[in-house]
């Protein structure tokens, strides 16, 4: 069984039996990315339905970029463990999301009175 432990020097020690290695944060990031690519190729697909909620990242930093040629939007969300996750949204999905968010704003009774927070930790890049 693989075990992991955060070391006092900030590295993570991974152990299997009597063998162990220590990874720095950049090395851990590279391994997570590599394992995610392998996971995407496995016969058992990631389920289409989301799993039960165990952890929630509150108020994550995000970035949105657009491509005027393809009309696609690149949504980037920052997860403290997985790093920056990138999602390309085709034009129709961007329109669908606009409706979904408009419905949420209406349902929650939100309006401009709440103001628009533009702090650097929230919006990395403005849409263009």
N, C-alpha and C. Protein backbone atom coordinates (compact mmCIF):
# COMPACT_ATOMS: atom_id res chain seq x y z
N UNK A 1 0.84 -1.18 0.00
CA UNK A 1 0.00 0.00 0.00
C UNK A 1 0.89 1.25 0.00
N UNK A 2 0.53 2.23 -0.79
CA UNK A 2 1.26 3.49 -0.87
C UNK A 2 0.86 4.37 0.32
N UNK A 3 1.85 4.87 1.03
CA UNK A 3 1.58 5.80 2.13
C UNK A 3 2.29 7.11 1.83
N UNK A 4 1.74 8.18 2.34
CA UNK A 4 2.33 9.50 2.12
C UNK A 4 2.36 10.27 3.43
N UNK A 5 3.39 11.13 3.55
CA UNK A 5 3.55 11.90 4.78
C UNK A 5 4.25 13.21 4.45
N UNK A 6 3.70 14.32 4.98
CA UNK A 6 4.34 15.62 4.82
C UNK A 6 5.53 15.69 5.77
N UNK A 7 6.70 15.98 5.23
CA UNK A 7 7.93 16.05 6.01
C UNK A 7 8.13 17.46 6.57
N UNK A 8 8.92 17.61 7.64
CA UNK A 8 9.19 18.94 8.20
C UNK A 8 9.85 19.90 7.21
N UNK A 9 10.59 19.37 6.23
CA UNK A 9 11.24 20.24 5.24
C UNK A 9 10.31 20.68 4.13
N UNK A 10 9.03 20.27 4.20
CA UNK A 10 8.05 20.68 3.20
C UNK A 10 7.90 19.71 2.04
N UNK A 11 8.69 18.67 1.99
CA UNK A 11 8.54 17.67 0.94
C UNK A 11 7.51 16.64 1.39
N UNK A 12 7.07 15.81 0.45
CA UNK A 12 6.16 14.72 0.78
C UNK A 12 6.91 13.42 0.57
N UNK A 13 6.88 12.56 1.58
CA UNK A 13 7.52 11.25 1.48
C UNK A 13 6.47 10.24 1.06
N UNK A 14 6.74 9.53 -0.04
CA UNK A 14 5.89 8.45 -0.52
C UNK A 14 6.61 7.14 -0.25
N UNK A 15 5.89 6.18 0.34
CA UNK A 15 6.51 4.91 0.70
C UNK A 15 5.65 3.74 0.24
N UNK A 16 6.34 2.70 -0.24
CA UNK A 16 5.72 1.40 -0.53
C UNK A 16 6.65 0.38 0.10
N UNK A 17 6.14 -0.31 1.10
CA UNK A 17 6.99 -1.26 1.81
C UNK A 17 8.18 -0.56 2.42
N UNK A 18 9.39 -1.06 2.11
CA UNK A 18 10.62 -0.48 2.65
C UNK A 18 11.20 0.62 1.76
N UNK A 19 10.60 0.86 0.61
CA UNK A 19 11.10 1.86 -0.34
C UNK A 19 10.36 3.18 -0.16
N UNK A 20 11.10 4.30 -0.25
CA UNK A 20 10.44 5.61 -0.16
C UNK A 20 11.20 6.65 -0.97
N UNK A 21 10.47 7.67 -1.39
CA UNK A 21 11.06 8.82 -2.08
C UNK A 21 10.41 10.07 -1.50
N UNK A 22 11.12 11.19 -1.62
CA UNK A 22 10.58 12.47 -1.19
C UNK A 22 10.41 13.36 -2.42
N UNK A 23 9.29 14.05 -2.49
CA UNK A 23 8.99 14.92 -3.62
C UNK A 23 8.81 16.36 -3.15
N UNK A 24 9.37 17.30 -3.92
CA UNK A 24 9.14 18.72 -3.67
C UNK A 24 7.77 19.08 -4.25
N UNK A 25 7.30 20.28 -3.99
CA UNK A 25 6.00 20.70 -4.53
C UNK A 25 5.98 20.64 -6.06
N UNK A 26 7.00 21.18 -6.78
CA UNK A 26 6.97 21.06 -8.25
C UNK A 26 7.00 19.61 -8.73
N UNK A 27 7.76 18.75 -8.04
CA UNK A 27 7.80 17.33 -8.42
C UNK A 27 6.44 16.68 -8.16
N UNK A 28 5.79 17.06 -7.07
CA UNK A 28 4.45 16.55 -6.76
C UNK A 28 3.46 17.00 -7.83
N UNK A 29 3.53 18.28 -8.23
CA UNK A 29 2.65 18.79 -9.29
C UNK A 29 2.81 17.98 -10.57
N UNK A 30 4.06 17.70 -10.94
CA UNK A 30 4.32 16.93 -12.16
C UNK A 30 3.74 15.51 -12.04
N UNK A 31 3.86 14.89 -10.88
CA UNK A 31 3.32 13.55 -10.69
C UNK A 31 1.79 13.55 -10.72
N UNK A 32 1.18 14.55 -10.10
CA UNK A 32 -0.29 14.65 -10.13
C UNK A 32 -0.78 14.80 -11.56
N UNK A 33 -0.10 15.65 -12.33
CA UNK A 33 -0.50 15.84 -13.74
C UNK A 33 -0.32 14.55 -14.53
N UNK A 34 0.79 13.86 -14.32
CA UNK A 34 1.05 12.61 -15.02
C UNK A 34 0.01 11.55 -14.63
N UNK A 35 -0.28 11.43 -13.34
CA UNK A 35 -1.27 10.45 -12.89
C UNK A 35 -2.66 10.78 -13.44
N UNK A 36 -2.99 12.07 -13.53
CA UNK A 36 -4.29 12.46 -14.08
C UNK A 36 -4.39 12.05 -15.56
N UNK A 37 -3.30 12.20 -16.30
CA UNK A 37 -3.30 11.78 -17.71
C UNK A 37 -3.49 10.26 -17.82
N UNK A 38 -2.81 9.53 -16.94
CA UNK A 38 -2.99 8.07 -16.94
C UNK A 38 -4.41 7.70 -16.55
N UNK A 39 -4.96 8.40 -15.56
CA UNK A 39 -6.33 8.11 -15.10
C UNK A 39 -7.32 8.31 -16.25
N UNK A 40 -7.11 9.31 -17.06
CA UNK A 40 -8.01 9.58 -18.19
C UNK A 40 -7.99 8.46 -19.22
N UNK A 41 -6.91 7.66 -19.24
CA UNK A 41 -6.79 6.57 -20.21
C UNK A 41 -7.26 5.22 -19.68
N UNK A 42 -7.62 5.17 -18.41
CA UNK A 42 -8.01 3.88 -17.82
C UNK A 42 -9.36 3.41 -18.34
N UNK A 43 -9.52 2.10 -18.35
CA UNK A 43 -10.75 1.47 -18.83
C UNK A 43 -11.96 1.94 -18.00
N UNK A 44 -11.80 2.00 -16.68
CA UNK A 44 -12.88 2.51 -15.80
C UNK A 44 -12.87 4.03 -15.88
N UNK A 45 -13.85 4.58 -16.59
CA UNK A 45 -13.92 6.03 -16.78
C UNK A 45 -14.30 6.74 -15.49
N UNK A 46 -13.96 8.02 -15.42
CA UNK A 46 -14.44 8.86 -14.33
C UNK A 46 -15.96 8.93 -14.49
N UNK A 47 -16.72 8.71 -13.42
CA UNK A 47 -18.18 8.72 -13.54
C UNK A 47 -18.70 10.06 -14.08
N UNK A 48 -19.79 9.99 -14.87
CA UNK A 48 -20.40 11.20 -15.40
C UNK A 48 -21.08 12.01 -14.30
N UNK A 49 -21.65 11.32 -13.32
CA UNK A 49 -22.31 12.02 -12.21
C UNK A 49 -21.26 12.39 -11.16
N UNK A 50 -21.35 13.60 -10.60
CA UNK A 50 -20.37 13.99 -9.58
C UNK A 50 -20.53 13.15 -8.32
N UNK A 51 -19.41 12.91 -7.62
CA UNK A 51 -19.46 12.12 -6.39
C UNK A 51 -20.05 12.95 -5.24
N UNK A 52 -20.30 12.32 -4.10
CA UNK A 52 -20.74 13.09 -2.93
C UNK A 52 -19.71 14.17 -2.59
N UNK A 53 -20.16 15.26 -2.04
CA UNK A 53 -19.28 16.38 -1.71
C UNK A 53 -18.60 16.11 -0.37
N UNK A 54 -17.26 16.07 -0.40
CA UNK A 54 -16.48 15.90 0.82
C UNK A 54 -15.67 17.15 1.14
N UNK A 55 -15.18 17.81 0.11
CA UNK A 55 -14.35 19.00 0.27
C UNK A 55 -14.83 20.07 -0.69
N UNK A 56 -14.85 21.31 -0.22
CA UNK A 56 -15.24 22.43 -1.06
C UNK A 56 -14.15 23.50 -0.97
N UNK A 57 -13.71 23.99 -2.11
CA UNK A 57 -12.76 25.10 -2.16
C UNK A 57 -13.60 26.37 -2.18
N UNK A 58 -13.47 27.16 -1.16
CA UNK A 58 -14.28 28.37 -1.03
C UNK A 58 -13.62 29.54 -1.76
N UNK A 59 -14.39 30.17 -2.63
CA UNK A 59 -13.96 31.39 -3.30
C UNK A 59 -12.63 31.23 -4.05
N UNK A 60 -12.54 30.26 -4.97
CA UNK A 60 -11.25 30.02 -5.63
C UNK A 60 -10.88 31.15 -6.60
N UNK A 61 -9.60 31.33 -6.77
CA UNK A 61 -9.13 32.26 -7.80
C UNK A 61 -9.47 31.65 -9.16
N UNK A 62 -9.71 32.50 -10.13
CA UNK A 62 -10.02 32.00 -11.46
C UNK A 62 -9.52 32.97 -12.51
N UNK A 63 -9.47 32.49 -13.72
CA UNK A 63 -9.05 33.28 -14.86
C UNK A 63 -9.91 32.84 -16.04
N UNK A 64 -10.29 33.80 -16.86
CA UNK A 64 -11.07 33.49 -18.07
C UNK A 64 -10.40 34.16 -19.25
N UNK A 65 -10.15 33.37 -20.27
CA UNK A 65 -9.60 33.90 -21.52
C UNK A 65 -10.55 33.50 -22.64
N UNK A 66 -10.60 34.32 -23.66
CA UNK A 66 -11.47 34.01 -24.79
C UNK A 66 -10.64 33.97 -26.07
N UNK A 67 -11.17 33.25 -27.05
CA UNK A 67 -10.54 33.14 -28.36
C UNK A 67 -11.54 33.64 -29.39
N UNK A 68 -11.27 34.79 -29.99
CA UNK A 68 -12.23 35.38 -30.93
C UNK A 68 -12.36 34.58 -32.23
N UNK A 69 -11.38 33.74 -32.54
CA UNK A 69 -11.46 32.92 -33.75
C UNK A 69 -12.43 31.75 -33.54
N UNK A 70 -12.26 31.01 -32.45
CA UNK A 70 -13.09 29.82 -32.20
C UNK A 70 -14.33 30.15 -31.38
N UNK A 71 -14.36 31.34 -30.79
CA UNK A 71 -15.46 31.77 -29.90
C UNK A 71 -15.50 30.93 -28.63
N UNK A 72 -14.41 30.24 -28.33
CA UNK A 72 -14.34 29.43 -27.12
C UNK A 72 -13.85 30.27 -25.95
N UNK A 73 -14.15 29.80 -24.76
CA UNK A 73 -13.67 30.44 -23.54
C UNK A 73 -12.84 29.43 -22.76
N UNK A 74 -11.74 29.89 -22.21
CA UNK A 74 -10.89 29.04 -21.37
C UNK A 74 -11.13 29.46 -19.93
N UNK A 75 -11.74 28.58 -19.16
CA UNK A 75 -12.00 28.81 -17.74
C UNK A 75 -10.92 28.09 -16.96
N UNK A 76 -10.20 28.85 -16.12
CA UNK A 76 -9.13 28.27 -15.30
C UNK A 76 -9.51 28.48 -13.84
N UNK A 77 -9.55 27.40 -13.06
CA UNK A 77 -9.87 27.46 -11.63
C UNK A 77 -8.67 26.97 -10.84
N UNK A 78 -8.38 27.68 -9.73
CA UNK A 78 -7.22 27.30 -8.92
C UNK A 78 -7.67 26.46 -7.73
N UNK A 79 -7.17 25.23 -7.69
CA UNK A 79 -7.41 24.31 -6.58
C UNK A 79 -6.11 24.23 -5.79
N UNK A 80 -6.20 24.34 -4.47
CA UNK A 80 -4.99 24.36 -3.65
C UNK A 80 -4.18 23.07 -3.72
N UNK A 81 -4.82 21.96 -4.04
CA UNK A 81 -4.11 20.68 -4.13
C UNK A 81 -3.76 20.29 -5.55
N UNK A 82 -4.68 20.50 -6.48
CA UNK A 82 -4.47 20.08 -7.86
C UNK A 82 -3.82 21.16 -8.72
N UNK A 83 -3.76 22.38 -8.23
CA UNK A 83 -3.20 23.48 -9.01
C UNK A 83 -4.26 24.10 -9.91
N UNK A 84 -3.83 24.68 -11.02
CA UNK A 84 -4.75 25.31 -11.95
C UNK A 84 -5.37 24.26 -12.87
N UNK A 85 -6.69 24.20 -12.88
CA UNK A 85 -7.43 23.27 -13.74
C UNK A 85 -8.00 24.07 -14.90
N UNK A 86 -7.82 23.57 -16.11
CA UNK A 86 -8.20 24.30 -17.32
C UNK A 86 -9.36 23.62 -18.02
N UNK A 87 -10.38 24.42 -18.38
CA UNK A 87 -11.56 23.89 -19.05
C UNK A 87 -11.88 24.78 -20.25
N UNK A 88 -11.85 24.19 -21.45
CA UNK A 88 -12.23 24.95 -22.64
C UNK A 88 -13.72 24.75 -22.89
N UNK A 89 -14.43 25.85 -22.97
CA UNK A 89 -15.88 25.81 -23.16
C UNK A 89 -16.23 26.29 -24.57
N UNK A 90 -16.90 25.44 -25.36
CA UNK A 90 -17.30 25.87 -26.69
C UNK A 90 -18.40 26.94 -26.59
N UNK A 91 -18.66 27.66 -27.68
CA UNK A 91 -19.62 28.78 -27.63
C UNK A 91 -20.98 28.42 -27.03
N UNK A 92 -21.57 27.30 -27.45
CA UNK A 92 -22.90 26.95 -26.95
C UNK A 92 -22.89 26.70 -25.45
N UNK A 93 -21.84 26.08 -24.96
CA UNK A 93 -21.76 25.83 -23.51
C UNK A 93 -21.57 27.13 -22.74
N UNK A 94 -20.84 28.08 -23.31
CA UNK A 94 -20.71 29.39 -22.68
C UNK A 94 -22.07 30.07 -22.56
N UNK A 95 -22.88 29.97 -23.61
CA UNK A 95 -24.24 30.54 -23.58
C UNK A 95 -25.09 29.82 -22.54
N UNK A 96 -24.99 28.48 -22.48
CA UNK A 96 -25.74 27.71 -21.48
C UNK A 96 -25.34 28.11 -20.06
N UNK A 97 -24.03 28.32 -19.84
CA UNK A 97 -23.57 28.71 -18.51
C UNK A 97 -24.06 30.11 -18.15
N UNK A 98 -24.11 31.00 -19.12
CA UNK A 98 -24.64 32.35 -18.85
C UNK A 98 -26.06 32.25 -18.34
N UNK A 99 -26.88 31.42 -18.97
CA UNK A 99 -28.26 31.26 -18.52
C UNK A 99 -28.30 30.66 -17.12
N UNK A 100 -27.48 29.65 -16.89
CA UNK A 100 -27.44 29.01 -15.56
C UNK A 100 -27.07 30.03 -14.49
N UNK A 101 -26.02 30.82 -14.73
CA UNK A 101 -25.61 31.82 -13.74
C UNK A 101 -26.65 32.92 -13.58
N UNK A 102 -27.30 33.32 -14.65
CA UNK A 102 -28.38 34.31 -14.55
C UNK A 102 -29.51 33.77 -13.68
N UNK A 103 -29.86 32.50 -13.87
CA UNK A 103 -30.90 31.87 -13.04
C UNK A 103 -30.49 31.84 -11.57
N UNK A 104 -29.22 31.56 -11.31
CA UNK A 104 -28.73 31.53 -9.93
C UNK A 104 -28.80 32.92 -9.31
N UNK A 105 -28.37 33.93 -10.03
CA UNK A 105 -28.43 35.31 -9.53
C UNK A 105 -29.87 35.69 -9.20
N UNK A 106 -30.80 35.33 -10.08
CA UNK A 106 -32.22 35.61 -9.83
C UNK A 106 -32.73 34.85 -8.61
N UNK A 107 -32.44 33.55 -8.55
CA UNK A 107 -32.92 32.71 -7.45
C UNK A 107 -32.41 33.20 -6.10
N UNK A 108 -31.15 33.65 -6.04
CA UNK A 108 -30.56 34.11 -4.78
C UNK A 108 -30.86 35.59 -4.49
N UNK A 109 -31.52 36.25 -5.44
CA UNK A 109 -31.86 37.66 -5.24
C UNK A 109 -30.65 38.58 -5.19
N UNK A 110 -29.63 38.25 -5.95
CA UNK A 110 -28.42 39.07 -5.98
C UNK A 110 -28.61 40.22 -6.96
N UNK A 111 -27.96 41.33 -6.67
CA UNK A 111 -28.00 42.45 -7.61
C UNK A 111 -26.71 43.23 -7.51
N UNK A 112 -26.62 44.29 -8.30
CA UNK A 112 -25.40 45.09 -8.37
C UNK A 112 -25.06 45.73 -7.03
N UNK A 113 -26.03 45.83 -6.13
CA UNK A 113 -25.77 46.43 -4.82
C UNK A 113 -24.65 45.68 -4.08
N UNK A 114 -24.46 44.40 -4.42
CA UNK A 114 -23.37 43.65 -3.80
C UNK A 114 -22.01 44.13 -4.29
N UNK A 115 -22.00 44.86 -5.40
CA UNK A 115 -20.76 45.38 -5.94
C UNK A 115 -19.96 44.30 -6.65
N UNK A 116 -18.95 44.73 -7.33
CA UNK A 116 -18.07 43.81 -8.04
C UNK A 116 -16.69 43.87 -7.41
N UNK A 117 -16.29 42.80 -6.79
CA UNK A 117 -14.97 42.75 -6.18
C UNK A 117 -13.94 42.42 -7.24
N UNK A 118 -12.93 43.23 -7.34
CA UNK A 118 -11.91 43.04 -8.37
C UNK A 118 -10.53 42.80 -7.78
N UNK A 119 -10.47 42.26 -6.56
CA UNK A 119 -9.18 42.02 -5.91
C UNK A 119 -8.31 41.07 -6.71
N UNK A 120 -6.99 41.22 -6.62
CA UNK A 120 -6.08 40.41 -7.44
C UNK A 120 -6.15 38.92 -7.16
N UNK A 121 -6.54 38.53 -5.96
CA UNK A 121 -6.60 37.10 -5.68
C UNK A 121 -7.86 36.47 -6.24
N UNK A 122 -8.82 37.24 -6.70
CA UNK A 122 -10.06 36.71 -7.24
C UNK A 122 -9.99 36.57 -8.75
N UNK A 123 -9.78 37.65 -9.42
CA UNK A 123 -9.81 37.62 -10.88
C UNK A 123 -8.41 37.85 -11.40
N UNK A 124 -7.80 36.79 -11.91
CA UNK A 124 -6.44 36.89 -12.39
C UNK A 124 -6.40 37.66 -13.70
N UNK A 125 -7.27 37.34 -14.61
CA UNK A 125 -7.35 38.04 -15.90
C UNK A 125 -8.78 38.41 -16.18
N UNK A 126 -9.01 39.61 -16.65
CA UNK A 126 -10.36 39.99 -17.05
C UNK A 126 -10.65 39.37 -18.41
N UNK A 127 -11.91 39.00 -18.64
CA UNK A 127 -12.25 38.49 -19.98
C UNK A 127 -11.97 39.56 -21.03
N UNK A 128 -11.54 39.13 -22.18
CA UNK A 128 -11.28 40.10 -23.25
C UNK A 128 -11.85 39.61 -24.56
